[in-house]
Structure formats: structure tokens, C-alpha cells
Amino acid sequence: MRILMKRFTLQMIVILIALSSFGLGTADLLGNADAKKVFDKKCIRLGTIEVLPIKFETACRVLKQNELINAVQKEFARSVSNNGEVEFPIIGTGPKQYHYVNEKGKRTDITELYRKQTNAHSFDYIVWASGKRFFGGYDVIIHLRVVDANEAGIIYSVSTHAYPHNWATRFSARKIGITKRYFKKKMKLISYVARQIGLGLCAKDEFKQGLMEGRRPLRPGGEAPAPPSLP
């Protein structure tokens, strides 16, 4: 128990130090004027954060790859999907523009706003999604951030800034509660899926790098990962 508490305390200290030292806020990274207007509205703001045993340089390589969406969907089918398929394929519609249609025929449009290593210690990936659900139209800014935590690995966080279009939804306590629970549930799902996919993609990258360099790759803690299935 003491070891677990010490480990938890260490992780919290690492998180607090890293977040106070590195990285810019979402608003500072938004170059799209329309997305900035959405962000500046009275949004439903949610977030999650944790430490993952992944090397920072590995996470950056994975996030920088040109075919990131395709790689993400392949890894989703491999490590998340129950049947080895992508239920709602994300389809490219233009430069940094995508969309998907859910099981109810509702379309969601996605625009990549920012994806780069912001400084020596952090990588930021921001997308803007818009569509319609049971509560009406909405816009949501999703910000995934990776911060270098040295030997601990990386600090991985996801924040969502959701703006329902329907005024009744925004100002009704009951409706805003239902809508907030919807986005909270989706944010947890996004965070979990992104975490699993990220771990899988980074394990593949580490394994490939190890093969190229003639060594067996190690995780930040010194543990050798099991060889992932390679395409």
C-alpha cells in the first residue's frame, strides 16, 4: 500500500510540475477565427489527465505521421474493436477535413486545427467537431496534449469544450445536466480509446525503432514490451 501511495504521490507531483511549466492553453493555439469564437463561448468544459509509460519522443513520432487518421483506425480495429472492424469509418473530405456517420445516421464533421510539437516538452493536437444529436446542433473543441515527464513517461491529457447551439439546452438546468452528462460520457470514451490506440501505436513504433537500431526496445521504466502485431 505504501509503495502504491508513493507512486501515486510521485505521479501527482510530476503532473503538477509539468503542467505548470510547459505548454500553452487551448486558446493560445487556435489560429482558426471561427473555432476561437466557439471556444470563447460559455462551453461545457471537461478534462482528464494521467501518466502513461511512453517515451515522449515516441509519442511525438506517432502523432506527427502523415497518415495518422488511417493509423488510428487500423489500431482501433486491432486493439479496441470487438469484431476487428471500425464501426464508423472516418472519411477524408479535404485537407485536414474529415467526417463520419454514426449508427443513427447522424453526421459529424471534423477539422484538424493544430497538430505539432509546441515546444521541447509538449505536443498538442486539437480538432473541432460539429454535428447534431438529440439535444440539437453542437460544436466541440477537443484538445489532446502530451507532456514529457522524463523517466515517468508522458503526461497525457484530453480536454473538451462543447457548445450546444440550442438556447433552451444551454439555459435549462435539467437539459444542460443531460447534455453535460452526454459530453462527459463521450469525453471518457474519447480519452479511453485515444489512450488504448496511443499505447498500441507507440508500442509498434518502439518495436520498429528497436529493430532498425538492432536492439530490443524498452519502456521508460525499463520494461521490454511484447512484440506487437506488425502490418
Protein backbone atom coordinates (compact mmCIF):
# COMPACT_ATOMS: atom_id res chain seq x y z
CA MET A 1 0.00 0.00 0.00
CA ARG A 2 2.83 2.41 0.89
CA ILE A 3 4.51 1.74 -2.45
CA LEU A 4 1.25 2.44 -4.29
CA MET A 5 0.74 5.67 -2.34
CA LYS A 6 4.30 6.79 -3.03
CA ARG A 7 3.86 6.01 -6.72
CA PHE A 8 0.56 7.93 -6.82
CA THR A 9 2.10 10.90 -4.99
CA LEU A 10 5.07 10.92 -7.36
CA GLN A 11 2.75 10.87 -10.38
CA MET A 12 0.73 13.79 -8.99
CA ILE A 13 3.90 15.80 -8.34
CA VAL A 14 5.14 15.08 -11.88
CA ILE A 15 1.78 16.15 -13.33
CA LEU A 16 1.63 19.40 -11.36
CA ILE A 17 5.23 20.37 -12.14
CA ALA A 18 4.94 19.56 -15.84
CA LEU A 19 1.62 21.30 -16.35
CA SER A 20 2.76 24.41 -14.53
CA SER A 21 6.00 24.57 -16.50
CA PHE A 22 5.20 23.60 -20.08
CA GLY A 23 2.62 24.14 -22.76
CA LEU A 24 0.17 26.80 -23.82
CA GLY A 25 -3.58 26.87 -23.25
CA THR A 26 -6.03 25.79 -25.95
CA ALA A 27 -6.98 29.39 -26.74
CA ASP A 28 -3.33 30.29 -27.40
CA LEU A 29 -3.05 27.60 -30.08
CA LEU A 30 -6.25 28.30 -32.02
CA GLY A 31 -5.47 30.04 -35.31
CA ASN A 32 -8.95 29.46 -36.76
CA ALA A 33 -11.12 32.52 -36.01
CA ASP A 34 -14.41 30.59 -36.13
CA ALA A 35 -13.10 27.90 -33.79
CA LYS A 36 -11.83 30.62 -31.44
CA LYS A 37 -15.35 32.09 -31.34
CA VAL A 38 -16.72 28.68 -30.32
CA PHE A 39 -14.06 28.29 -27.64
CA ASP A 40 -14.79 31.74 -26.22
CA LYS A 41 -18.48 30.94 -25.72
CA LYS A 42 -19.92 29.57 -22.48
CA CYS A 43 -18.90 25.97 -23.17
CA ILE A 44 -19.27 22.78 -21.21
CA ARG A 45 -15.62 22.21 -20.27
CA LEU A 46 -14.37 18.78 -19.22
CA GLY A 47 -10.98 17.12 -18.94
CA THR A 48 -8.99 14.07 -17.94
CA ILE A 49 -5.30 13.51 -17.26
CA GLU A 50 -2.92 10.63 -16.46
CA VAL A 51 0.69 9.46 -16.69
CA LEU A 52 1.47 6.84 -19.35
CA PRO A 53 4.66 4.73 -19.67
CA ILE A 54 5.54 6.04 -23.13
CA LYS A 55 8.66 7.90 -24.22
CA PHE A 56 7.94 11.48 -25.24
CA GLU A 57 9.91 11.22 -28.49
CA THR A 58 7.96 8.08 -29.41
CA ALA A 59 4.62 9.81 -28.82
CA CYS A 60 5.76 12.74 -30.96
CA ARG A 61 6.80 10.48 -33.85
CA VAL A 62 3.43 8.73 -33.77
CA LEU A 63 1.43 11.96 -33.66
CA LYS A 64 3.47 13.58 -36.44
CA GLN A 65 2.94 10.82 -39.03
CA ASN A 66 1.24 11.91 -42.25
CA GLU A 67 -1.36 9.13 -42.28
CA LEU A 68 -2.32 9.50 -38.62
CA ILE A 69 -6.08 9.00 -39.17
CA ASN A 70 -5.51 5.77 -41.12
CA ALA A 71 -3.05 4.52 -38.49
CA VAL A 72 -5.52 5.34 -35.72
CA GLN A 73 -8.34 3.46 -37.44
CA LYS A 74 -6.16 0.39 -38.05
CA GLU A 75 -5.08 0.34 -34.42
CA PHE A 76 -8.70 0.84 -33.30
CA ALA A 77 -9.69 -2.25 -35.27
CA ARG A 78 -6.79 -4.20 -33.75
CA SER A 79 -6.88 -3.21 -30.09
CA VAL A 80 -10.28 -1.64 -29.30
CA SER A 81 -12.95 -3.06 -31.60
CA ASN A 82 -14.74 -6.24 -30.54
CA ASN A 83 -15.01 -7.53 -34.11
CA GLY A 84 -11.81 -6.19 -35.67
CA GLU A 85 -13.67 -3.52 -37.64
CA VAL A 86 -14.12 0.25 -37.47
CA GLU A 87 -17.83 0.75 -36.83
CA PHE A 88 -17.93 4.36 -38.03
CA PRO A 89 -15.08 4.92 -40.53
CA ILE A 90 -13.60 8.42 -40.59
CA ILE A 91 -13.56 9.63 -44.19
CA GLY A 92 -11.34 12.40 -45.53
CA THR A 93 -13.25 15.19 -47.26
CA GLY A 94 -10.40 17.63 -47.90
CA PRO A 95 -7.14 18.95 -46.41
CA LYS A 96 -7.43 18.38 -42.64
CA GLN A 97 -11.19 17.79 -43.09
CA TYR A 98 -12.97 14.55 -42.14
CA HIS A 99 -16.39 13.21 -41.30
CA TYR A 100 -18.12 10.10 -40.00
CA VAL A 101 -21.74 8.93 -39.70
CA ASN A 102 -22.91 7.13 -36.56
CA GLU A 103 -25.38 4.27 -36.18
CA LYS A 104 -28.32 6.70 -36.19
CA GLY A 105 -27.24 8.32 -39.45
CA LYS A 106 -26.00 11.47 -37.69
CA ARG A 107 -23.02 13.05 -39.40
CA THR A 108 -20.12 14.63 -37.53
CA ASP A 109 -17.68 16.91 -39.36
CA ILE A 110 -14.13 17.16 -38.04
CA THR A 111 -11.46 19.78 -38.76
CA GLU A 112 -7.87 19.40 -37.63
CA LEU A 113 -6.88 22.76 -36.17
CA TYR A 114 -3.44 22.11 -34.72
CA ARG A 115 -1.01 19.19 -34.66
CA LYS A 116 2.61 19.82 -33.83
CA GLN A 117 5.27 19.77 -31.14
CA THR A 118 4.60 23.10 -29.46
CA ASN A 119 7.93 23.22 -27.64
CA ALA A 120 10.70 20.91 -26.43
CA HIS A 121 8.44 19.36 -23.81
CA SER A 122 4.90 19.21 -25.22
CA PHE A 123 2.91 18.11 -28.26
CA ASP A 124 -0.60 19.39 -28.94
CA TYR A 125 -3.33 18.00 -31.17
CA ILE A 126 -6.57 19.99 -31.48
CA VAL A 127 -9.66 19.19 -33.56
CA TRP A 128 -13.03 20.89 -34.00
CA ALA A 129 -16.09 18.66 -34.39
CA SER A 130 -19.64 19.73 -35.21
CA GLY A 131 -22.89 17.89 -35.77
CA LYS A 132 -26.35 17.17 -34.36
CA ARG A 133 -27.55 14.91 -31.57
CA PHE A 134 -30.77 14.53 -29.54
CA PHE A 135 -30.26 17.97 -27.94
CA GLY A 136 -29.71 19.74 -31.27
CA GLY A 137 -26.64 21.08 -33.03
CA TYR A 138 -23.30 21.43 -31.28
CA ASP A 139 -19.65 22.36 -31.70
CA VAL A 140 -16.85 20.88 -29.63
CA ILE A 141 -13.15 21.67 -29.47
CA ILE A 142 -11.09 18.63 -28.41
CA HIS A 143 -7.52 19.19 -27.23
CA LEU A 144 -5.16 16.26 -26.72
CA ARG A 145 -1.87 17.17 -25.09
CA VAL A 146 1.26 15.11 -24.42
CA VAL A 147 3.86 16.46 -21.99
CA ASP A 148 7.31 14.99 -21.36
CA ALA A 149 7.51 13.56 -17.84
CA ASN A 150 11.07 12.26 -18.22
CA GLU A 151 11.53 8.84 -16.57
CA ALA A 152 7.83 8.61 -15.69
CA GLY A 153 6.92 8.65 -19.40
CA ILE A 154 4.39 11.21 -20.61
CA ILE A 155 1.51 13.15 -19.13
CA TYR A 156 -1.46 12.58 -21.39
CA SER A 157 -4.49 14.85 -21.14
CA VAL A 158 -7.72 15.38 -23.06
CA SER A 159 -9.90 18.46 -22.66
CA THR A 160 -13.23 19.10 -24.38
CA HIS A 161 -15.01 22.43 -24.83
CA ALA A 162 -18.56 21.72 -26.02
CA TYR A 163 -21.08 24.36 -27.07
CA PRO A 164 -24.74 23.28 -27.62
CA HIS A 165 -26.49 25.52 -30.16
CA ASN A 166 -29.98 25.24 -28.65
CA TRP A 167 -30.55 28.11 -26.23
CA ALA A 168 -33.01 26.04 -24.19
CA THR A 169 -30.34 23.39 -23.72
CA ARG A 170 -27.84 25.99 -22.52
CA PHE A 171 -30.17 27.72 -20.06
CA SER A 172 -32.32 24.87 -18.73
CA ALA A 173 -30.72 23.30 -15.65
CA ARG A 174 -32.31 19.93 -16.41
CA LYS A 175 -31.37 19.94 -20.09
CA ILE A 176 -27.86 21.23 -19.52
CA GLY A 177 -27.39 18.45 -16.96
CA ILE A 178 -28.43 15.82 -19.50
CA THR A 179 -26.23 17.39 -22.18
CA LYS A 180 -23.26 17.69 -19.83
CA ARG A 181 -23.59 14.02 -18.90
CA TYR A 182 -23.63 13.18 -22.62
CA PHE A 183 -20.39 15.07 -23.28
CA LYS A 184 -18.80 13.73 -20.08
CA LYS A 185 -19.56 10.18 -21.20
CA LYS A 186 -18.18 10.92 -24.68
CA MET A 187 -15.07 12.56 -23.25
CA LYS A 188 -14.34 9.48 -21.12
CA LEU A 189 -14.82 7.30 -24.20
CA ILE A 190 -12.57 9.51 -26.33
CA SER A 191 -9.92 9.51 -23.60
CA TYR A 192 -10.03 5.73 -23.19
CA VAL A 193 -9.96 4.99 -26.92
CA ALA A 194 -7.17 7.52 -27.55
CA ARG A 195 -5.20 6.00 -24.66
CA GLN A 196 -5.51 2.44 -25.97
CA ILE A 197 -4.74 3.46 -29.54
CA GLY A 198 -1.82 5.60 -28.41
CA LEU A 199 -0.31 2.77 -26.38
CA GLY A 200 -0.67 0.40 -29.32
CA LEU A 201 0.79 2.78 -31.90
CA CYS A 202 3.68 3.75 -29.63
CA ALA A 203 4.47 0.09 -28.90
CA LYS A 204 4.64 -0.57 -32.65
CA ASP A 205 6.84 2.46 -33.19
CA GLU A 206 9.19 1.47 -30.36
CA PHE A 207 9.43 -2.07 -31.68
CA LYS A 208 10.19 -0.89 -35.22
CA GLN A 209 12.78 1.59 -33.95
CA GLY A 210 14.39 -1.16 -31.91
CA LEU A 211 14.59 -3.45 -34.93
CA MET A 212 16.10 -0.66 -37.04
CA GLU A 213 18.71 0.05 -34.38
CA GLY A 214 19.40 -3.62 -33.66
CA ARG A 215 18.16 -3.55 -30.07
CA ARG A 216 15.19 -4.70 -28.04
CA PRO A 217 13.09 -1.61 -27.21
CA LEU A 218 12.35 -0.69 -23.60
CA ARG A 219 9.57 1.30 -22.00
CA PRO A 220 10.52 4.33 -19.86
CA GLY A 221 10.61 2.13 -16.73
CA GLY A 222 12.97 -0.36 -18.36
CA GLU A 223 10.33 -2.97 -19.14
CA ALA A 224 10.56 -4.65 -22.53
CA PRO A 225 7.20 -4.53 -24.33
CA ALA A 226 5.83 -7.63 -26.01
CA PRO A 227 6.31 -7.52 -29.79
CA PRO A 228 3.11 -6.04 -31.28
CA SER A 229 1.50 -7.42 -34.40
CA LEU A 230 3.04 -5.56 -37.32
CA PRO A 231 1.14 -4.81 -40.55
